[in-house]
């Protein structure tokens, strides 16, 4: 699985990459052939937004979440 990290208004630290990678590894239980994952972290004032687009053969899956803490 190839994971690409992008940060808007935030520096993507190694700790954030490690945390996110460990969470995304759990997707292998549901999807056997994940080609690529694009992760975007965005900070807008007090809102922390994490978005992920997962590319599997034949389709792509998009998810986003907003929280006060980037690790939640």
Protein backbone atom coordinates (compact mmCIF):
# COMPACT_ATOMS: atom_id res chain seq x y z
CA UNK A 1 0.00 0.00 0.00
CA UNK A 2 1.45 3.35 -1.07
CA UNK A 3 0.44 6.24 1.22
CA UNK A 4 0.87 9.88 0.22
CA UNK A 5 0.64 12.54 2.94
CA UNK A 6 -0.16 16.20 2.29
CA UNK A 7 -0.53 18.97 4.85
CA UNK A 8 -2.35 22.27 4.36
CA UNK A 9 -1.51 24.80 7.07
CA UNK A 10 0.20 22.00 9.05
CA UNK A 11 3.54 20.20 9.04
CA UNK A 12 3.01 16.47 8.72
CA UNK A 13 5.24 15.05 11.45
CA UNK A 14 6.68 11.57 11.62
CA UNK A 15 4.44 10.84 14.62
CA UNK A 16 1.34 11.79 12.64
CA UNK A 17 2.48 9.66 9.70
CA UNK A 18 3.12 6.67 11.97
CA UNK A 19 -0.24 7.04 13.72
CA UNK A 20 -2.13 7.33 10.42
CA UNK A 21 -0.25 4.44 8.80
CA UNK A 22 -1.10 2.14 11.72
CA UNK A 23 -4.79 3.04 11.39
CA UNK A 24 -4.78 2.53 7.61
CA UNK A 25 -3.10 -0.89 7.91
CA UNK A 26 -6.36 -2.15 9.45
CA UNK A 27 -8.06 -1.63 6.07
CA UNK A 28 -6.17 -4.63 4.70
CA UNK A 29 -8.69 -6.82 6.55
CA UNK A 30 -11.49 -5.48 4.36
CA UNK A 31 -9.72 -4.72 1.08
CA UNK A 32 -7.01 -7.05 -0.14
CA UNK A 33 -5.64 -5.02 -3.02
CA UNK A 34 -5.38 -1.38 -1.96
CA UNK A 35 -3.32 0.39 -4.61
CA UNK A 36 -2.83 3.85 -3.17
CA UNK A 37 -4.04 6.06 -0.32
CA UNK A 38 -3.96 9.87 -0.41
CA UNK A 39 -4.18 11.51 3.02
CA UNK A 40 -4.70 15.26 3.43
CA UNK A 41 -4.44 17.04 6.77
CA UNK A 42 -5.87 20.54 6.96
CA UNK A 43 -6.06 23.06 9.80
CA UNK A 44 -8.60 25.90 9.60
CA UNK A 45 -8.44 28.05 12.75
CA UNK A 46 -9.52 25.56 15.45
CA UNK A 47 -10.83 22.85 13.09
CA UNK A 48 -8.57 19.91 12.30
CA UNK A 49 -9.66 18.04 9.19
CA UNK A 50 -8.30 14.71 7.98
CA UNK A 51 -9.33 13.33 4.58
CA UNK A 52 -8.38 10.08 2.91
CA UNK A 53 -9.02 8.72 -0.55
CA UNK A 54 -8.43 4.99 -0.93
CA UNK A 55 -7.94 3.55 -4.39
CA UNK A 56 -8.90 -0.10 -4.87
CA UNK A 57 -9.32 -1.85 -8.22
CA UNK A 58 -12.43 -0.51 -9.90
CA UNK A 59 -13.31 2.25 -7.46
CA UNK A 60 -12.15 4.87 -4.98
CA UNK A 61 -13.42 5.48 -1.46
CA UNK A 62 -13.31 8.91 0.17
CA UNK A 63 -13.65 9.72 3.88
CA UNK A 64 -13.19 12.85 5.93
CA UNK A 65 -13.32 13.71 9.60
CA UNK A 66 -13.24 16.91 11.61
CA UNK A 67 -12.15 17.23 15.23
CA UNK A 68 -10.41 19.42 17.77
CA UNK A 69 -7.46 17.01 17.88
CA UNK A 70 -5.70 15.67 14.79
CA UNK A 71 -5.06 12.33 16.52
CA UNK A 72 -8.72 11.62 17.13
